[in-house]
Amino acid sequence: MAAGTKIGRNVSVGTLGELLAFTVDPNEDLGPSKTGKSNIVASTGGFAEVPGYPNLRVNLTIIRR
């Protein structure tokens, strides 16, 4: 995988051949969600641009219950 570009909290994106690959550390803990029912592991904080692909945007949130 090519070196990733950070696009959020604990989220990077890079390429794996012609595929996009998102990298997240599953052991990270960014604190509680707004409701307090889960803890956030990674988040783009809303829609984020995908570097090198001007027409693509991603919205990613990974939580732990």
PDB file of N, CA and C in Angstrom:
ATOM      1  N   MET A   1       0.850  -1.186   0.000  1.00  0.00           N
ATOM      2  CA  MET A   1       0.000   0.000   0.000  1.00  0.00           C
ATOM      3  C   MET A   1       0.884   1.233   0.000  1.00  0.00           C
ATOM      4  N   ALA A   2       0.529   2.201  -0.817  1.00  0.00           N
ATOM      5  CA  ALA A   2       1.243   3.474  -0.824  1.00  0.00           C
ATOM      6  C   ALA A   2       0.980   4.189   0.494  1.00  0.00           C
ATOM      7  N   ALA A   3       1.892   5.080   0.858  1.00  0.00           N
ATOM      8  CA  ALA A   3       1.742   5.816   2.115  1.00  0.00           C
ATOM      9  C   ALA A   3       0.378   6.489   2.163  1.00  0.00           C
ATOM     10  N   GLY A   4      -0.290   6.367   3.301  1.00  0.00           N
ATOM     11  CA  GLY A   4      -1.628   6.920   3.443  1.00  0.00           C
ATOM     12  C   GLY A   4      -1.615   8.399   3.761  1.00  0.00           C
ATOM     13  N   THR A   5      -2.699   9.053   3.438  1.00  0.00           N
ATOM     14  CA  THR A   5      -2.912  10.463   3.749  1.00  0.00           C
ATOM     15  C   THR A   5      -3.993  10.540   4.812  1.00  0.00           C
ATOM     16  N   LYS A   6      -3.726  11.265   5.876  1.00  0.00           N
ATOM     17  CA  LYS A   6      -4.693  11.399   6.960  1.00  0.00           C
ATOM     18  C   LYS A   6      -5.897  12.210   6.477  1.00  0.00           C
ATOM     19  N   ILE A   7      -7.101  11.652   6.656  1.00  0.00           N
ATOM     20  CA  ILE A   7      -8.318  12.353   6.240  1.00  0.00           C
ATOM     21  C   ILE A   7      -9.297  12.520   7.394  1.00  0.00           C
ATOM     22  N   GLY A   8      -8.883  12.175   8.593  1.00  0.00           N
ATOM     23  CA  GLY A   8      -9.750  12.301   9.756  1.00  0.00           C
ATOM     24  C   GLY A   8      -8.999  11.874  10.997  1.00  0.00           C
ATOM     25  N   ARG A   9      -9.738  11.702  12.073  1.00  0.00           N
ATOM     26  CA  ARG A   9      -9.150  11.255  13.334  1.00  0.00           C
ATOM     27  C   ARG A   9      -8.990   9.744  13.282  1.00  0.00           C
ATOM     28  N   ASN A  10      -7.743   9.278  13.236  1.00  0.00           N
ATOM     29  CA  ASN A  10      -7.409   7.856  13.179  1.00  0.00           C
ATOM     30  C   ASN A  10      -7.858   7.214  11.866  1.00  0.00           C
ATOM     31  N   VAL A  11      -7.932   7.987  10.780  1.00  0.00           N
ATOM     32  CA  VAL A  11      -8.303   7.467   9.456  1.00  0.00           C
ATOM     33  C   VAL A  11      -7.317   7.994   8.419  1.00  0.00           C
ATOM     34  N   SER A  12      -6.711   7.068   7.674  1.00  0.00           N
ATOM     35  CA  SER A  12      -5.855   7.430   6.546  1.00  0.00           C
ATOM     36  C   SER A  12      -6.345   6.676   5.328  1.00  0.00           C
ATOM     37  N   VAL A  13      -6.060   7.230   4.145  1.00  0.00           N
ATOM     38  CA  VAL A  13      -6.426   6.563   2.899  1.00  0.00           C
ATOM     39  C   VAL A  13      -5.214   6.551   1.985  1.00  0.00           C
ATOM     40  N   GLY A  14      -5.032   5.437   1.310  1.00  0.00           N
ATOM     41  CA  GLY A  14      -3.954   5.284   0.345  1.00  0.00           C
ATOM     42  C   GLY A  14      -4.444   4.385  -0.774  1.00  0.00           C
ATOM     43  N   THR A  15      -3.523   3.947  -1.608  1.00  0.00           N
ATOM     44  CA  THR A  15      -3.903   3.063  -2.702  1.00  0.00           C
ATOM     45  C   THR A  15      -3.212   1.718  -2.556  1.00  0.00           C
ATOM     46  N   LEU A  16      -3.891   0.717  -3.001  1.00  0.00           N
ATOM     47  CA  LEU A  16      -3.384  -0.651  -3.043  1.00  0.00           C
ATOM     48  C   LEU A  16      -3.641  -1.099  -4.479  1.00  0.00           C
ATOM     49  N   GLY A  17      -2.643  -0.907  -5.342  1.00  0.00           N
ATOM     50  CA  GLY A  17      -2.865  -1.086  -6.773  1.00  0.00           C
ATOM     51  C   GLY A  17      -3.824  -0.007  -7.247  1.00  0.00           C
ATOM     52  N   GLU A  18      -4.945  -0.428  -7.809  1.00  0.00           N
ATOM     53  CA  GLU A  18      -5.952   0.541  -8.259  1.00  0.00           C
ATOM     54  C   GLU A  18      -7.102   0.684  -7.268  1.00  0.00           C
ATOM     55  N   LEU A  19      -6.960   0.087  -6.078  1.00  0.00           N
ATOM     56  CA  LEU A  19      -8.001   0.152  -5.056  1.00  0.00           C
ATOM     57  C   LEU A  19      -7.667   1.193  -4.006  1.00  0.00           C
ATOM     58  N   LEU A  20      -8.697   1.797  -3.429  1.00  0.00           N
ATOM     59  CA  LEU A  20      -8.503   2.666  -2.273  1.00  0.00           C
ATOM     60  C   LEU A  20      -8.459   1.790  -1.029  1.00  0.00           C
ATOM     61  N   ALA A  21      -7.559   2.115  -0.113  1.00  0.00           N
ATOM     62  CA  ALA A  21      -7.431   1.349   1.131  1.00  0.00           C
ATOM     63  C   ALA A  21      -7.455   2.323   2.304  1.00  0.00           C
ATOM     64  N   PHE A  22      -8.377   2.082   3.228  1.00  0.00           N
ATOM     65  CA  PHE A  22      -8.497   2.914   4.417  1.00  0.00           C
ATOM     66  C   PHE A  22      -7.787   2.220   5.570  1.00  0.00           C
ATOM     67  N   THR A  23      -7.029   2.986   6.343  1.00  0.00           N
ATOM     68  CA  THR A  23      -6.287   2.435   7.462  1.00  0.00           C
ATOM     69  C   THR A  23      -6.792   3.058   8.756  1.00  0.00           C
ATOM     70  N   VAL A  24      -7.119   2.177   9.722  1.00  0.00           N
ATOM     71  CA  VAL A  24      -7.625   2.598  11.031  1.00  0.00           C
ATOM     72  C   VAL A  24      -6.943   1.734  12.082  1.00  0.00           C
ATOM     73  N   ASP A  25      -6.504   2.346  13.180  1.00  0.00           N
ATOM     74  CA  ASP A  25      -5.975   1.577  14.311  1.00  0.00           C
ATOM     75  C   ASP A  25      -7.174   1.157  15.158  1.00  0.00           C
ATOM     76  N   PRO A  26      -7.524  -0.145  15.177  1.00  0.00           N
ATOM     77  CA  PRO A  26      -8.718  -0.586  15.899  1.00  0.00           C
ATOM     78  C   PRO A  26      -8.603  -0.487  17.416  1.00  0.00           C
ATOM     79  N   ASN A  27      -7.412  -0.242  17.927  1.00  0.00           N
ATOM     80  CA  ASN A  27      -7.215  -0.132  19.372  1.00  0.00           C
ATOM     81  C   ASN A  27      -7.359   1.300  19.883  1.00  0.00           C
ATOM     82  N   GLU A  28      -7.521   2.246  18.979  1.00  0.00           N
ATOM     83  CA  GLU A  28      -7.651   3.669  19.343  1.00  0.00           C
ATOM     84  C   GLU A  28      -8.986   3.915  20.037  1.00  0.00           C
ATOM     85  N   ASP A  29      -9.019   4.871  20.938  1.00  0.00           N
ATOM     86  CA  ASP A  29     -10.253   5.285  21.615  1.00  0.00           C
ATOM     87  C   ASP A  29     -10.287   6.804  21.612  1.00  0.00           C
ATOM     88  N   LEU A  30     -11.192   7.380  20.820  1.00  0.00           N
ATOM     89  CA  LEU A  30     -11.279   8.833  20.688  1.00  0.00           C
ATOM     90  C   LEU A  30     -12.314   9.448  21.625  1.00  0.00           C
ATOM     91  N   GLY A  31     -12.892   8.619  22.481  1.00  0.00           N
ATOM     92  CA  GLY A  31     -13.856   9.125  23.445  1.00  0.00           C
ATOM     93  C   GLY A  31     -15.278   8.741  23.081  1.00  0.00           C
ATOM     94  N   PRO A  32     -16.218   9.152  23.937  1.00  0.00           N
ATOM     95  CA  PRO A  32     -17.622   8.757  23.741  1.00  0.00           C
ATOM     96  C   PRO A  32     -18.273   9.481  22.564  1.00  0.00           C
ATOM     97  N   SER A  33     -19.281   8.822  21.985  1.00  0.00           N
ATOM     98  CA  SER A  33     -20.101   9.454  20.948  1.00  0.00           C
ATOM     99  C   SER A  33     -20.966  10.534  21.596  1.00  0.00           C
ATOM    100  N   LYS A  34     -21.683  11.289  20.775  1.00  0.00           N
ATOM    101  CA  LYS A  34     -22.549  12.349  21.316  1.00  0.00           C
ATOM    102  C   LYS A  34     -23.602  11.800  22.263  1.00  0.00           C
ATOM    103  N   THR A  35     -24.120  10.613  21.967  1.00  0.00           N
ATOM    104  CA  THR A  35     -25.157  10.028  22.818  1.00  0.00           C
ATOM    105  C   THR A  35     -24.577   9.339  24.043  1.00  0.00           C
ATOM    106  N   GLY A  36     -23.282   9.025  23.992  1.00  0.00           N
ATOM    107  CA  GLY A  36     -22.645   8.333  25.105  1.00  0.00           C
ATOM    108  C   GLY A  36     -22.877   6.830  25.112  1.00  0.00           C
ATOM    109  N   LYS A  37     -23.526   6.298  24.063  1.00  0.00           N
ATOM    110  CA  LYS A  37     -23.819   4.871  24.015  1.00  0.00           C
ATOM    111  C   LYS A  37     -22.654   4.048  23.471  1.00  0.00           C
ATOM    112  N   SER A  38     -21.678   4.697  22.858  1.00  0.00           N
ATOM    113  CA  SER A  38     -20.538   3.989  22.277  1.00  0.00           C
ATOM    114  C   SER A  38     -19.311   4.890  22.305  1.00  0.00           C
ATOM    115  N   ASN A  39     -18.156   4.299  22.043  1.00  0.00           N
ATOM    116  CA  ASN A  39     -16.910   5.057  21.948  1.00  0.00           C
ATOM    117  C   ASN A  39     -16.475   5.105  20.492  1.00  0.00           C
ATOM    118  N   ILE A  40     -15.960   6.235  20.078  1.00  0.00           N
ATOM    119  CA  ILE A  40     -15.514   6.414  18.703  1.00  0.00           C
ATOM    120  C   ILE A  40     -14.095   5.874  18.561  1.00  0.00           C
ATOM    121  N   VAL A  41     -13.895   5.053  17.533  1.00  0.00           N
ATOM    122  CA  VAL A  41     -12.586   4.489  17.223  1.00  0.00           C
ATOM    123  C   VAL A  41     -11.922   5.324  16.129  1.00  0.00           C
ATOM    124  N   ALA A  42     -12.685   5.749  15.121  1.00  0.00           N
ATOM    125  CA  ALA A  42     -12.166   6.548  14.012  1.00  0.00           C
ATOM    126  C   ALA A  42     -13.302   7.330  13.376  1.00  0.00           C
ATOM    127  N   SER A  43     -12.979   8.505  12.821  1.00  0.00           N
ATOM    128  CA  SER A  43     -14.015   9.309  12.181  1.00  0.00           C
ATOM    129  C   SER A  43     -13.399  10.308  11.207  1.00  0.00           C
ATOM    130  N   THR A  44     -14.091  10.502  10.089  1.00  0.00           N
ATOM    131  CA  THR A  44     -13.691  11.555   9.164  1.00  0.00           C
ATOM    132  C   THR A  44     -14.325  12.894   9.570  1.00  0.00           C
ATOM    133  N   GLY A  45     -15.225  12.874  10.538  1.00  0.00           N
ATOM    134  CA  GLY A  45     -15.862  14.117  10.988  1.00  0.00           C
ATOM    135  C   GLY A  45     -16.806  14.688   9.945  1.00  0.00           C
ATOM    136  N   GLY A  46     -17.483  13.833   9.221  1.00  0.00           N
ATOM    137  CA  GLY A  46     -18.358  14.255   8.124  1.00  0.00           C
ATOM    138  C   GLY A  46     -17.706  13.843   6.813  1.00  0.00           C
ATOM    139  N   PHE A  47     -18.178  14.411   5.717  1.00  0.00           N
ATOM    140  CA  PHE A  47     -17.623  14.038   4.423  1.00  0.00           C
ATOM    141  C   PHE A  47     -16.226  14.623   4.254  1.00  0.00           C
ATOM    142  N   ALA A  48     -15.280  13.782   3.810  1.00  0.00           N
ATOM    143  CA  ALA A  48     -13.896  14.204   3.582  1.00  0.00           C
ATOM    144  C   ALA A  48     -13.522  13.889   2.138  1.00  0.00           C
ATOM    145  N   GLU A  49     -12.744  14.767   1.528  1.00  0.00           N
ATOM    146  CA  GLU A  49     -12.281  14.534   0.163  1.00  0.00           C
ATOM    147  C   GLU A  49     -11.264  13.398   0.155  1.00  0.00           C
ATOM    148  N   VAL A  50     -11.285  12.604  -0.899  1.00  0.00           N
ATOM    149  CA  VAL A  50     -10.308  11.535  -1.075  1.00  0.00           C
ATOM    150  C   VAL A  50      -9.185  12.104  -1.939  1.00  0.00           C
ATOM    151  N   PRO A  51      -7.966  12.243  -1.393  1.00  0.00           N
ATOM    152  CA  PRO A  51      -6.861  12.833  -2.143  1.00  0.00           C
ATOM    153  C   PRO A  51      -6.598  12.089  -3.458  1.00  0.00           C
ATOM    154  N   GLY A  52      -6.452  12.845  -4.528  1.00  0.00           N
ATOM    155  CA  GLY A  52      -6.194  12.269  -5.837  1.00  0.00           C
ATOM    156  C   GLY A  52      -7.442  11.902  -6.608  1.00  0.00           C
ATOM    157  N   TYR A  53      -8.598  11.995  -5.973  1.00  0.00           N
ATOM    158  CA  TYR A  53      -9.880  11.671  -6.605  1.00  0.00           C
ATOM    159  C   TYR A  53     -10.854  12.817  -6.327  1.00  0.00           C
ATOM    160  N   PRO A  54     -10.800  13.877  -7.136  1.00  0.00           N
ATOM    161  CA  PRO A  54     -11.581  15.087  -6.835  1.00  0.00           C
ATOM    162  C   PRO A  54     -13.093  14.888  -6.792  1.00  0.00           C
ATOM    163  N   ASN A  55     -13.602  13.816  -7.400  1.00  0.00           N
ATOM    164  CA  ASN A  55     -15.059  13.596  -7.396  1.00  0.00           C
ATOM    165  C   ASN A  55     -15.517  12.651  -6.300  1.00  0.00           C
ATOM    166  N   LEU A  56     -14.582  12.166  -5.465  1.00  0.00           N
ATOM    167  CA  LEU A  56     -14.951  11.228  -4.405  1.00  0.00           C
ATOM    168  C   LEU A  56     -14.857  11.866  -3.031  1.00  0.00           C
ATOM    169  N   ARG A  57     -15.858  11.579  -2.216  1.00  0.00           N
ATOM    170  CA  ARG A  57     -15.852  12.001  -0.816  1.00  0.00           C
ATOM    171  C   ARG A  57     -16.302  10.801   0.006  1.00  0.00           C
ATOM    172  N   VAL A  58     -15.806  10.718   1.230  1.00  0.00           N
ATOM    173  CA  VAL A  58     -16.145   9.591   2.099  1.00  0.00           C
ATOM    174  C   VAL A  58     -16.603  10.116   3.450  1.00  0.00           C
ATOM    175  N   ASN A  59     -17.558   9.422   4.047  1.00  0.00           N
ATOM    176  CA  ASN A  59     -18.036   9.740   5.388  1.00  0.00           C
ATOM    177  C   ASN A  59     -17.913   8.451   6.191  1.00  0.00           C
ATOM    178  N   LEU A  60     -16.968   8.407   7.119  1.00  0.00           N
ATOM    179  CA  LEU A  60     -16.676   7.180   7.835  1.00  0.00           C
ATOM    180  C   LEU A  60     -16.649   7.427   9.338  1.00  0.00           C
ATOM    181  N   THR A  61     -17.370   6.592  10.080  1.00  0.00           N
ATOM    182  CA  THR A  61     -17.299   6.588  11.536  1.00  0.00           C
ATOM    183  C   THR A  61     -17.267   5.125  11.983  1.00  0.00           C
ATOM    184  N   ILE A  62     -16.291   4.795  12.800  1.00  0.00           N
ATOM    185  CA  ILE A  62     -16.196   3.453  13.359  1.00  0.00           C
ATOM    186  C   ILE A  62     -16.346   3.585  14.868  1.00  0.00           C
ATOM    187  N   ILE A  63     -17.242   2.791  15.439  1.00  0.00           N
ATOM    188  CA  ILE A  63     -17.520   2.870  16.878  1.00  0.00           C
ATOM    189  C   ILE A  63     -17.287   1.533  17.552  1.00  0.00           C
ATOM    190  N   ARG A  64     -17.138   1.590  18.850  1.00  0.00           N
ATOM    191  CA  ARG A  64     -17.062   0.388  19.686  1.00  0.00           C
ATOM    192  C   ARG A  64     -18.169   0.485  20.722  1.00  0.00           C
ATOM    193  N   ARG A  65     -18.958  -0.556  20.854  1.00  0.00           N
ATOM    194  CA  ARG A  65     -20.043  -0.559  21.852  1.00  0.00           C
ATOM    195  C   ARG A  65     -19.551  -1.108  23.140  1.00  0.00           C
TER     196      ARG A  65
END
